């Protein structure tokens, strides 16, 4: 935290969380953030709220159903875009 600009202030704010929350919960959240490699105040706050609320820490892996797989890859086709734009000939706000 101290290496980043404003890191000293962020570190003090993270340490001041013990004034509002249980000291052991704050220490646990800080240790978890350090282990995750993201020792930022926002990450510590997120972990702390998850600990206090009893929410799960690890989200299950997301598996998309087969119906959502691409059948045709999108193509970068500027001419198609221009053709669509000319068909309407409508004025836009921009």
PDB file of N, CA and C in Angstrom:
ATOM      1  N   UNK A   1       0.812  -1.185   0.000  1.00  0.00           N
ATOM      2  CA  UNK A   1       0.000   0.000   0.000  1.00  0.00           C
ATOM      3  C   UNK A   1       0.862   1.259   0.000  1.00  0.00           C
ATOM      4  N   UNK A   2       1.954   1.226   0.718  1.00  0.00           N
ATOM      5  CA  UNK A   2       2.772   2.423   0.857  1.00  0.00           C
ATOM      6  C   UNK A   2       3.478   2.789  -0.439  1.00  0.00           C
ATOM      7  N   UNK A   3       3.650   1.839  -1.353  1.00  0.00           N
ATOM      8  CA  UNK A   3       4.337   2.123  -2.608  1.00  0.00           C
ATOM      9  C   UNK A   3       3.463   2.891  -3.587  1.00  0.00           C
ATOM     10  N   UNK A   4       2.165   2.759  -3.473  1.00  0.00           N
ATOM     11  CA  UNK A   4       1.242   3.438  -4.379  1.00  0.00           C
ATOM     12  C   UNK A   4       1.017   4.879  -3.918  1.00  0.00           C
ATOM     13  N   UNK A   5       0.735   5.783  -4.856  1.00  0.00           N
ATOM     14  CA  UNK A   5       0.435   7.161  -4.445  1.00  0.00           C
ATOM     15  C   UNK A   5      -0.809   7.197  -3.560  1.00  0.00           C
ATOM     16  N   UNK A   6      -0.709   7.875  -2.438  1.00  0.00           N
ATOM     17  CA  UNK A   6      -1.818   7.933  -1.491  1.00  0.00           C
ATOM     18  C   UNK A   6      -1.979   6.668  -0.680  1.00  0.00           C
ATOM     19  N   UNK A   7      -1.010   5.765  -0.778  1.00  0.00           N
ATOM     20  CA  UNK A   7      -1.097   4.492  -0.074  1.00  0.00           C
ATOM     21  C   UNK A   7      -1.015   4.632   1.428  1.00  0.00           C
ATOM     22  N   UNK A   8      -0.269   5.643   1.905  1.00  0.00           N
ATOM     23  CA  UNK A   8      -0.168   5.837   3.350  1.00  0.00           C
ATOM     24  C   UNK A   8      -1.519   6.215   3.942  1.00  0.00           C
ATOM     25  N   UNK A   9      -2.250   7.061   3.237  1.00  0.00           N
ATOM     26  CA  UNK A   9      -3.584   7.457   3.716  1.00  0.00           C
ATOM     27  C   UNK A   9      -4.546   6.266   3.674  1.00  0.00           C
ATOM     28  N   UNK A  10      -4.453   5.492   2.601  1.00  0.00           N
ATOM     29  CA  UNK A  10      -5.318   4.318   2.466  1.00  0.00           C
ATOM     30  C   UNK A  10      -5.024   3.304   3.567  1.00  0.00           C
ATOM     31  N   UNK A  11      -3.753   3.159   3.913  1.00  0.00           N
ATOM     32  CA  UNK A  11      -3.370   2.226   4.969  1.00  0.00           C
ATOM     33  C   UNK A  11      -3.931   2.680   6.318  1.00  0.00           C
ATOM     34  N   UNK A  12      -3.857   3.977   6.597  1.00  0.00           N
ATOM     35  CA  UNK A  12      -4.399   4.500   7.851  1.00  0.00           C
ATOM     36  C   UNK A  12      -5.910   4.296   7.906  1.00  0.00           C
ATOM     37  N   UNK A  13      -6.590   4.520   6.781  1.00  0.00           N
ATOM     38  CA  UNK A  13      -8.036   4.324   6.754  1.00  0.00           C
ATOM     39  C   UNK A  13      -8.401   2.856   6.950  1.00  0.00           C
ATOM     40  N   UNK A  14      -7.585   1.958   6.406  1.00  0.00           N
ATOM     41  CA  UNK A  14      -7.840   0.529   6.593  1.00  0.00           C
ATOM     42  C   UNK A  14      -7.618   0.137   8.051  1.00  0.00           C
ATOM     43  N   UNK A  15      -6.579   0.674   8.657  1.00  0.00           N
ATOM     44  CA  UNK A  15      -6.323   0.374  10.066  1.00  0.00           C
ATOM     45  C   UNK A  15      -7.383   0.983  10.975  1.00  0.00           C
ATOM     46  N   UNK A  16      -7.968   2.098  10.567  1.00  0.00           N
ATOM     47  CA  UNK A  16      -9.001   2.751  11.377  1.00  0.00           C
ATOM     48  C   UNK A  16     -10.321   1.985  11.356  1.00  0.00           C
ATOM     49  N   UNK A  17     -10.403   0.960  10.545  1.00  0.00           N
ATOM     50  CA  UNK A  17     -11.625   0.154  10.520  1.00  0.00           C
ATOM     51  C   UNK A  17     -11.881  -0.534  11.858  1.00  0.00           C
ATOM     52  N   UNK A  18     -10.837  -0.684  12.682  1.00  0.00           N
ATOM     53  CA  UNK A  18     -11.026  -1.321  13.990  1.00  0.00           C
ATOM     54  C   UNK A  18     -11.876  -0.457  14.909  1.00  0.00           C
ATOM     55  N   UNK A  19     -12.046   0.825  14.564  1.00  0.00           N
ATOM     56  CA  UNK A  19     -12.901   1.687  15.380  1.00  0.00           C
ATOM     57  C   UNK A  19     -14.375   1.384  15.147  1.00  0.00           C
ATOM     58  N   UNK A  20     -14.701   0.794  13.994  1.00  0.00           N
ATOM     59  CA  UNK A  20     -16.092   0.518  13.653  1.00  0.00           C
ATOM     60  C   UNK A  20     -16.422  -0.966  13.651  1.00  0.00           C
ATOM     61  N   UNK A  21     -15.396  -1.812  13.530  1.00  0.00           N
ATOM     62  CA  UNK A  21     -15.620  -3.254  13.414  1.00  0.00           C
ATOM     63  C   UNK A  21     -14.750  -3.996  14.415  1.00  0.00           C
ATOM     64  N   UNK A  22     -15.044  -5.261  14.577  1.00  0.00           N
ATOM     65  CA  UNK A  22     -14.270  -6.116  15.473  1.00  0.00           C
ATOM     66  C   UNK A  22     -12.834  -6.206  14.981  1.00  0.00           C
ATOM     67  N   UNK A  23     -11.893  -6.074  15.897  1.00  0.00           N
ATOM     68  CA  UNK A  23     -10.471  -6.066  15.542  1.00  0.00           C
ATOM     69  C   UNK A  23     -10.053  -7.362  14.856  1.00  0.00           C
ATOM     70  N   UNK A  24     -10.523  -8.485  15.345  1.00  0.00           N
ATOM     71  CA  UNK A  24     -10.145  -9.775  14.758  1.00  0.00           C
ATOM     72  C   UNK A  24     -10.679  -9.913  13.338  1.00  0.00           C
ATOM     73  N   UNK A  25     -11.889  -9.414  13.090  1.00  0.00           N
ATOM     74  CA  UNK A  25     -12.455  -9.466  11.740  1.00  0.00           C
ATOM     75  C   UNK A  25     -11.651  -8.597  10.787  1.00  0.00           C
ATOM     76  N   UNK A  26     -11.225  -7.424  11.252  1.00  0.00           N
ATOM     77  CA  UNK A  26     -10.402  -6.541  10.412  1.00  0.00           C
ATOM     78  C   UNK A  26      -9.068  -7.199  10.108  1.00  0.00           C
ATOM     79  N   UNK A  27      -8.441  -7.792  11.102  1.00  0.00           N
ATOM     80  CA  UNK A  27      -7.165  -8.470  10.883  1.00  0.00           C
ATOM     81  C   UNK A  27      -7.309  -9.634   9.906  1.00  0.00           C
ATOM     82  N   UNK A  28      -8.386 -10.375  10.037  1.00  0.00           N
ATOM     83  CA  UNK A  28      -8.631 -11.488   9.117  1.00  0.00           C
ATOM     84  C   UNK A  28      -8.811 -10.974   7.690  1.00  0.00           C
ATOM     85  N   UNK A  29      -9.569  -9.881   7.528  1.00  0.00           N
ATOM     86  CA  UNK A  29      -9.789  -9.302   6.198  1.00  0.00           C
ATOM     87  C   UNK A  29      -8.481  -8.792   5.604  1.00  0.00           C
ATOM     88  N   UNK A  30      -7.635  -8.174   6.414  1.00  0.00           N
ATOM     89  CA  UNK A  30      -6.338  -7.681   5.939  1.00  0.00           C
ATOM     90  C   UNK A  30      -5.448  -8.845   5.511  1.00  0.00           C
ATOM     91  N   UNK A  31      -5.426  -9.900   6.308  1.00  0.00           N
ATOM     92  CA  UNK A  31      -4.618 -11.071   5.955  1.00  0.00           C
ATOM     93  C   UNK A  31      -5.113 -11.702   4.659  1.00  0.00           C
ATOM     94  N   UNK A  32      -6.430 -11.779   4.486  1.00  0.00           N
ATOM     95  CA  UNK A  32      -6.979 -12.361   3.264  1.00  0.00           C
ATOM     96  C   UNK A  32      -6.640 -11.498   2.045  1.00  0.00           C
ATOM     97  N   UNK A  33      -6.682 -10.179   2.211  1.00  0.00           N
ATOM     98  CA  UNK A  33      -6.339  -9.275   1.112  1.00  0.00           C
ATOM     99  C   UNK A  33      -4.868  -9.398   0.755  1.00  0.00           C
ATOM    100  N   UNK A  34      -4.018  -9.547   1.757  1.00  0.00           N
ATOM    101  CA  UNK A  34      -2.588  -9.725   1.493  1.00  0.00           C
ATOM    102  C   UNK A  34      -2.320 -11.039   0.770  1.00  0.00           C
ATOM    103  N   UNK A  35      -3.007 -12.098   1.184  1.00  0.00           N
ATOM    104  CA  UNK A  35      -2.843 -13.398   0.521  1.00  0.00           C
ATOM    105  C   UNK A  35      -3.323 -13.351  -0.922  1.00  0.00           C
ATOM    106  N   UNK A  36      -4.373 -12.564  -1.180  1.00  0.00           N
ATOM    107  CA  UNK A  36      -4.911 -12.450  -2.536  1.00  0.00           C
ATOM    108  C   UNK A  36      -4.049 -11.556  -3.412  1.00  0.00           C
ATOM    109  N   UNK A  37      -3.130 -10.822  -2.798  1.00  0.00           N
ATOM    110  CA  UNK A  37      -2.258  -9.936  -3.559  1.00  0.00           C
ATOM    111  C   UNK A  37      -2.909  -8.613  -3.912  1.00  0.00           C
ATOM    112  N   UNK A  38      -3.983  -8.259  -3.230  1.00  0.00           N
ATOM    113  CA  UNK A  38      -4.686  -7.005  -3.494  1.00  0.00           C
ATOM    114  C   UNK A  38      -4.952  -6.268  -2.192  1.00  0.00           C
ATOM    115  N   UNK A  39      -3.893  -5.765  -1.553  1.00  0.00           N
ATOM    116  CA  UNK A  39      -4.096  -5.091  -0.266  1.00  0.00           C
ATOM    117  C   UNK A  39      -4.552  -3.642  -0.443  1.00  0.00           C
ATOM    118  N   UNK A  40      -5.769  -3.461  -0.902  1.00  0.00           N
ATOM    119  CA  UNK A  40      -6.332  -2.124  -1.020  1.00  0.00           C
ATOM    120  C   UNK A  40      -7.462  -1.963  -0.018  1.00  0.00           C
ATOM    121  N   UNK A  41      -7.759  -0.722   0.278  1.00  0.00           N
ATOM    122  CA  UNK A  41      -8.809  -0.450   1.259  1.00  0.00           C
ATOM    123  C   UNK A  41     -10.156  -0.992   0.787  1.00  0.00           C
ATOM    124  N   UNK A  42     -10.457  -0.833  -0.496  1.00  0.00           N
ATOM    125  CA  UNK A  42     -11.744  -1.304  -0.999  1.00  0.00           C
ATOM    126  C   UNK A  42     -11.850  -2.824  -0.930  1.00  0.00           C
ATOM    127  N   UNK A  43     -10.746  -3.513  -1.211  1.00  0.00           N
ATOM    128  CA  UNK A  43     -10.770  -4.976  -1.128  1.00  0.00           C
ATOM    129  C   UNK A  43     -10.903  -5.428   0.320  1.00  0.00           C
ATOM    130  N   UNK A  44     -10.212  -4.756   1.206  1.00  0.00           N
ATOM    131  CA  UNK A  44     -10.312  -5.086   2.634  1.00  0.00           C
ATOM    132  C   UNK A  44     -11.736  -4.850   3.125  1.00  0.00           C
ATOM    133  N   UNK A  45     -12.338  -3.736   2.714  1.00  0.00           N
ATOM    134  CA  UNK A  45     -13.724  -3.459   3.107  1.00  0.00           C
ATOM    135  C   UNK A  45     -14.678  -4.519   2.574  1.00  0.00           C
ATOM    136  N   UNK A  46     -14.474  -4.917   1.325  1.00  0.00           N
ATOM    137  CA  UNK A  46     -15.325  -5.953   0.740  1.00  0.00           C
ATOM    138  C   UNK A  46     -15.205  -7.257   1.518  1.00  0.00           C
ATOM    139  N   UNK A  47     -13.977  -7.659   1.794  1.00  0.00           N
ATOM    140  CA  UNK A  47     -13.763  -8.900   2.549  1.00  0.00           C
ATOM    141  C   UNK A  47     -14.340  -8.794   3.961  1.00  0.00           C
ATOM    142  N   UNK A  48     -14.175  -7.639   4.581  1.00  0.00           N
ATOM    143  CA  UNK A  48     -14.685  -7.433   5.936  1.00  0.00           C
ATOM    144  C   UNK A  48     -16.210  -7.536   5.956  1.00  0.00           C
ATOM    145  N   UNK A  49     -16.862  -6.922   4.986  1.00  0.00           N
ATOM    146  CA  UNK A  49     -18.330  -6.992   4.953  1.00  0.00           C
ATOM    147  C   UNK A  49     -18.805  -8.412   4.667  1.00  0.00           C
ATOM    148  N   UNK A  50     -18.060  -9.136   3.845  1.00  0.00           N
ATOM    149  CA  UNK A  50     -18.428 -10.532   3.592  1.00  0.00           C
ATOM    150  C   UNK A  50     -18.258 -11.374   4.851  1.00  0.00           C
ATOM    151  N   UNK A  51     -17.216 -11.100   5.624  1.00  0.00           N
ATOM    152  CA  UNK A  51     -17.013 -11.829   6.878  1.00  0.00           C
ATOM    153  C   UNK A  51     -18.130 -11.516   7.867  1.00  0.00           C
ATOM    154  N   UNK A  52     -18.455 -10.248   8.003  1.00  0.00           N
ATOM    155  CA  UNK A  52     -19.464  -9.832   8.978  1.00  0.00           C
ATOM    156  C   UNK A  52     -20.844 -10.340   8.573  1.00  0.00           C
ATOM    157  N   UNK A  53     -21.162 -10.268   7.266  1.00  0.00           N
ATOM    158  CA  UNK A  53     -22.478 -10.698   6.791  1.00  0.00           C
ATOM    159  C   UNK A  53     -22.598 -12.208   6.651  1.00  0.00           C
ATOM    160  N   UNK A  54     -21.481 -12.910   6.688  1.00  0.00           N
ATOM    161  CA  UNK A  54     -21.501 -14.354   6.551  1.00  0.00           C
ATOM    162  C   UNK A  54     -21.683 -14.808   5.121  1.00  0.00           C
ATOM    163  N   UNK A  55     -21.347 -13.938   4.155  1.00  0.00           N
ATOM    164  CA  UNK A  55     -21.481 -14.309   2.743  1.00  0.00           C
ATOM    165  C   UNK A  55     -20.313 -15.195   2.336  1.00  0.00           C
ATOM    166  N   UNK A  56     -20.519 -16.063   1.346  1.00  0.00           N
ATOM    167  CA  UNK A  56     -19.428 -16.926   0.898  1.00  0.00           C
ATOM    168  C   UNK A  56     -18.302 -16.110   0.268  1.00  0.00           C
ATOM    169  N   UNK A  57     -17.078 -16.538   0.507  1.00  0.00           N
ATOM    170  CA  UNK A  57     -15.910 -15.816   0.002  1.00  0.00           C
ATOM    171  C   UNK A  57     -15.595 -16.176  -1.442  1.00  0.00           C
ATOM    172  N   UNK A  58     -15.776 -17.412  -1.799  1.00  0.00           N
ATOM    173  CA  UNK A  58     -15.447 -17.855  -3.150  1.00  0.00           C
ATOM    174  C   UNK A  58     -16.735 -18.110  -3.918  1.00  0.00           C
ATOM    175  N   UNK A  59     -16.833 -17.469  -5.047  1.00  0.00           N
ATOM    176  CA  UNK A  59     -18.002 -17.689  -5.894  1.00  0.00           C
ATOM    177  C   UNK A  59     -17.797 -18.969  -6.694  1.00  0.00           C
ATOM    178  N   UNK A  60     -18.843 -19.746  -6.878  1.00  0.00           N
ATOM    179  CA  UNK A  60     -18.685 -20.968  -7.671  1.00  0.00           C
ATOM    180  C   UNK A  60     -18.372 -20.613  -9.120  1.00  0.00           C
ATOM    181  N   UNK A  61     -17.649 -21.479  -9.826  1.00  0.00           N
ATOM    182  CA  UNK A  61     -17.330 -21.174 -11.216  1.00  0.00           C
ATOM    183  C   UNK A  61     -18.594 -21.077 -12.059  1.00  0.00           C
ATOM    184  N   UNK A  62     -18.596 -20.118 -12.945  1.00  0.00           N
ATOM    185  CA  UNK A  62     -19.757 -19.879 -13.784  1.00  0.00           C
ATOM    186  C   UNK A  62     -19.647 -20.717 -15.045  1.00  0.00           C
ATOM    187  N   UNK A  63     -20.684 -21.503 -15.307  1.00  0.00           N
ATOM    188  CA  UNK A  63     -20.711 -22.341 -16.508  1.00  0.00           C
ATOM    189  C   UNK A  63     -21.879 -21.886 -17.365  1.00  0.00           C
ATOM    190  N   UNK A  64     -21.559 -21.410 -18.553  1.00  0.00           N
ATOM    191  CA  UNK A  64     -22.605 -20.958 -19.464  1.00  0.00           C
ATOM    192  C   UNK A  64     -23.261 -22.164 -20.119  1.00  0.00           C
ATOM    193  N   UNK A  65     -24.568 -22.123 -20.295  1.00  0.00           N
ATOM    194  CA  UNK A  65     -25.230 -23.229 -20.986  1.00  0.00           C
ATOM    195  C   UNK A  65     -24.810 -23.277 -22.451  1.00  0.00           C
ATOM    196  N   UNK A  66     -24.954 -24.434 -23.059  1.00  0.00           N
ATOM    197  CA  UNK A  66     -24.542 -24.620 -24.443  1.00  0.00           C
ATOM    198  C   UNK A  66     -25.319 -23.734 -25.410  1.00  0.00           C
ATOM    199  N   UNK A  67     -26.505 -23.318 -25.037  1.00  0.00           N
ATOM    200  CA  UNK A  67     -27.312 -22.484 -25.919  1.00  0.00           C
ATOM    201  C   UNK A  67     -26.686 -21.110 -26.132  1.00  0.00           C
ATOM    202  N   UNK A  68     -25.760 -20.715 -25.274  1.00  0.00           N
ATOM    203  CA  UNK A  68     -25.155 -19.396 -25.382  1.00  0.00           C
ATOM    204  C   UNK A  68     -23.836 -19.393 -26.151  1.00  0.00           C
ATOM    205  N   UNK A  69     -23.441 -20.496 -26.715  1.00  0.00           N
ATOM    206  CA  UNK A  69     -22.198 -20.528 -27.464  1.00  0.00           C
ATOM    207  C   UNK A  69     -22.392 -19.883 -28.832  1.00  0.00           C
ATOM    208  N   UNK A  70     -21.335 -19.279 -29.343  1.00  0.00           N
ATOM    209  CA  UNK A  70     -21.394 -18.627 -30.649  1.00  0.00           C
ATOM    210  C   UNK A  70     -21.428 -19.661 -31.760  1.00  0.00           C
ATOM    211  N   UNK A  71     -22.315 -19.454 -32.691  1.00  0.00           N
ATOM    212  CA  UNK A  71     -22.338 -20.332 -33.865  1.00  0.00           C
ATOM    213  C   UNK A  71     -21.646 -19.655 -35.038  1.00  0.00           C
ATOM    214  N   UNK A  72     -21.709 -18.327 -35.086  1.00  0.00           N
ATOM    215  CA  UNK A  72     -21.038 -17.561 -36.131  1.00  0.00           C
ATOM    216  C   UNK A  72     -20.207 -16.473 -35.467  1.00  0.00           C
ATOM    217  N   UNK A  73     -18.932 -16.469 -35.749  1.00  0.00           N
ATOM    218  CA  UNK A  73     -18.051 -15.464 -35.163  1.00  0.00           C
ATOM    219  C   UNK A  73     -18.380 -14.089 -35.744  1.00  0.00           C
ATOM    220  N   UNK A  74     -18.382 -13.041 -34.910  1.00  0.00           N
ATOM    221  CA  UNK A  74     -18.631 -11.701 -35.430  1.00  0.00           C
ATOM    222  C   UNK A  74     -17.468 -11.229 -36.297  1.00  0.00           C
ATOM    223  N   UNK A  75     -17.783 -10.413 -37.295  1.00  0.00           N
ATOM    224  CA  UNK A  75     -16.767  -9.903 -38.195  1.00  0.00           C
ATOM    225  C   UNK A  75     -16.711  -8.382 -38.104  1.00  0.00           C
ATOM    226  N   UNK A  76     -15.518  -7.852 -38.189  1.00  0.00           N
ATOM    227  CA  UNK A  76     -15.358  -6.410 -38.243  1.00  0.00           C
ATOM    228  C   UNK A  76     -15.565  -5.986 -39.691  1.00  0.00           C
ATOM    229  N   UNK A  77     -16.735  -5.437 -39.990  1.00  0.00           N
ATOM    230  CA  UNK A  77     -17.084  -5.099 -41.355  1.00  0.00           C
ATOM    231  C   UNK A  77     -17.639  -3.681 -41.380  1.00  0.00           C
ATOM    232  N   UNK A  78     -16.776  -2.725 -41.700  1.00  0.00           N
ATOM    233  CA  UNK A  78     -17.175  -1.321 -41.695  1.00  0.00           C
ATOM    234  C   UNK A  78     -18.160  -1.029 -42.818  1.00  0.00           C
ATOM    235  N   UNK A  79     -18.006  -1.678 -43.954  1.00  0.00           N
ATOM    236  CA  UNK A  79     -18.919  -1.444 -45.066  1.00  0.00           C
ATOM    237  C   UNK A  79     -20.349  -1.830 -44.704  1.00  0.00           C
ATOM    238  N   UNK A  80     -20.506  -2.899 -43.955  1.00  0.00           N
ATOM    239  CA  UNK A  80     -21.848  -3.321 -43.527  1.00  0.00           C
ATOM    240  C   UNK A  80     -22.472  -2.256 -42.632  1.00  0.00           C
ATOM    241  N   UNK A  81     -21.681  -1.702 -41.742  1.00  0.00           N
ATOM    242  CA  UNK A  81     -22.178  -0.645 -40.860  1.00  0.00           C
ATOM    243  C   UNK A  81     -22.607   0.575 -41.675  1.00  0.00           C
ATOM    244  N   UNK A  82     -21.788   0.979 -42.635  1.00  0.00           N
ATOM    245  CA  UNK A  82     -22.138   2.127 -43.468  1.00  0.00           C
ATOM    246  C   UNK A  82     -23.413   1.862 -44.259  1.00  0.00           C
ATOM    247  N   UNK A  83     -23.574   0.637 -44.755  1.00  0.00           N
ATOM    248  CA  UNK A  83     -24.777   0.291 -45.509  1.00  0.00           C
ATOM    249  C   UNK A  83     -26.010   0.370 -44.619  1.00  0.00           C
ATOM    250  N   UNK A  84     -25.916  -0.091 -43.392  1.00  0.00           N
ATOM    251  CA  UNK A  84     -27.047  -0.014 -42.468  1.00  0.00           C
ATOM    252  C   UNK A  84     -27.384   1.437 -42.148  1.00  0.00           C
ATOM    253  N   UNK A  85     -26.374   2.253 -42.034  1.00  0.00           N
ATOM    254  CA  UNK A  85     -26.576   3.651 -41.706  1.00  0.00           C
ATOM    255  C   UNK A  85     -27.246   4.397 -42.859  1.00  0.00           C
ATOM    256  N   UNK A  86     -26.895   4.071 -44.074  1.00  0.00           N
ATOM    257  CA  UNK A  86     -27.469   4.754 -45.232  1.00  0.00           C
ATOM    258  C   UNK A  86     -28.918   4.369 -45.486  1.00  0.00           C
ATOM    259  N   UNK A  87     -29.310   3.154 -45.111  1.00  0.00           N
ATOM    260  CA  UNK A  87     -30.679   2.701 -45.344  1.00  0.00           C
ATOM    261  C   UNK A  87     -31.661   3.571 -44.584  1.00  0.00           C
ATOM    262  N   UNK A  88     -31.358   3.914 -43.390  1.00  0.00           N
ATOM    263  CA  UNK A  88     -32.295   4.670 -42.559  1.00  0.00           C
ATOM    264  C   UNK A  88     -32.281   6.161 -42.886  1.00  0.00           C
ATOM    265  N   UNK A  89     -31.122   6.707 -43.169  1.00  0.00           N
ATOM    266  CA  UNK A  89     -30.969   8.126 -43.451  1.00  0.00           C
ATOM    267  C   UNK A  89     -31.659   8.994 -42.401  1.00  0.00           C
ATOM    268  N   UNK A  90     -31.649   8.542 -41.182  1.00  0.00           N
ATOM    269  CA  UNK A  90     -32.256   9.296 -40.097  1.00  0.00           C
ATOM    270  C   UNK A  90     -31.202  10.170 -39.431  1.00  0.00           C
ATOM    271  N   UNK A  91     -31.650  11.273 -38.892  1.00  0.00           N
ATOM    272  CA  UNK A  91     -30.736  12.156 -38.176  1.00  0.00           C
ATOM    273  C   UNK A  91     -30.640  11.696 -36.729  1.00  0.00           C
ATOM    274  N   UNK A  92     -29.451  11.791 -36.196  1.00  0.00           N
ATOM    275  CA  UNK A  92     -29.210  11.383 -34.823  1.00  0.00           C
ATOM    276  C   UNK A  92     -28.847  12.599 -33.988  1.00  0.00           C
ATOM    277  N   UNK A  93     -28.889  12.436 -32.712  1.00  0.00           N
ATOM    278  CA  UNK A  93     -28.621  13.538 -31.800  1.00  0.00           C
ATOM    279  C   UNK A  93     -27.167  14.004 -31.881  1.00  0.00           C
ATOM    280  N   UNK A  94     -26.264  13.156 -32.316  1.00  0.00           N
ATOM    281  CA  UNK A  94     -24.851  13.538 -32.309  1.00  0.00           C
ATOM    282  C   UNK A  94     -24.460  14.407 -33.417  1.00  0.00           C
TER     283      UNK A  94
END
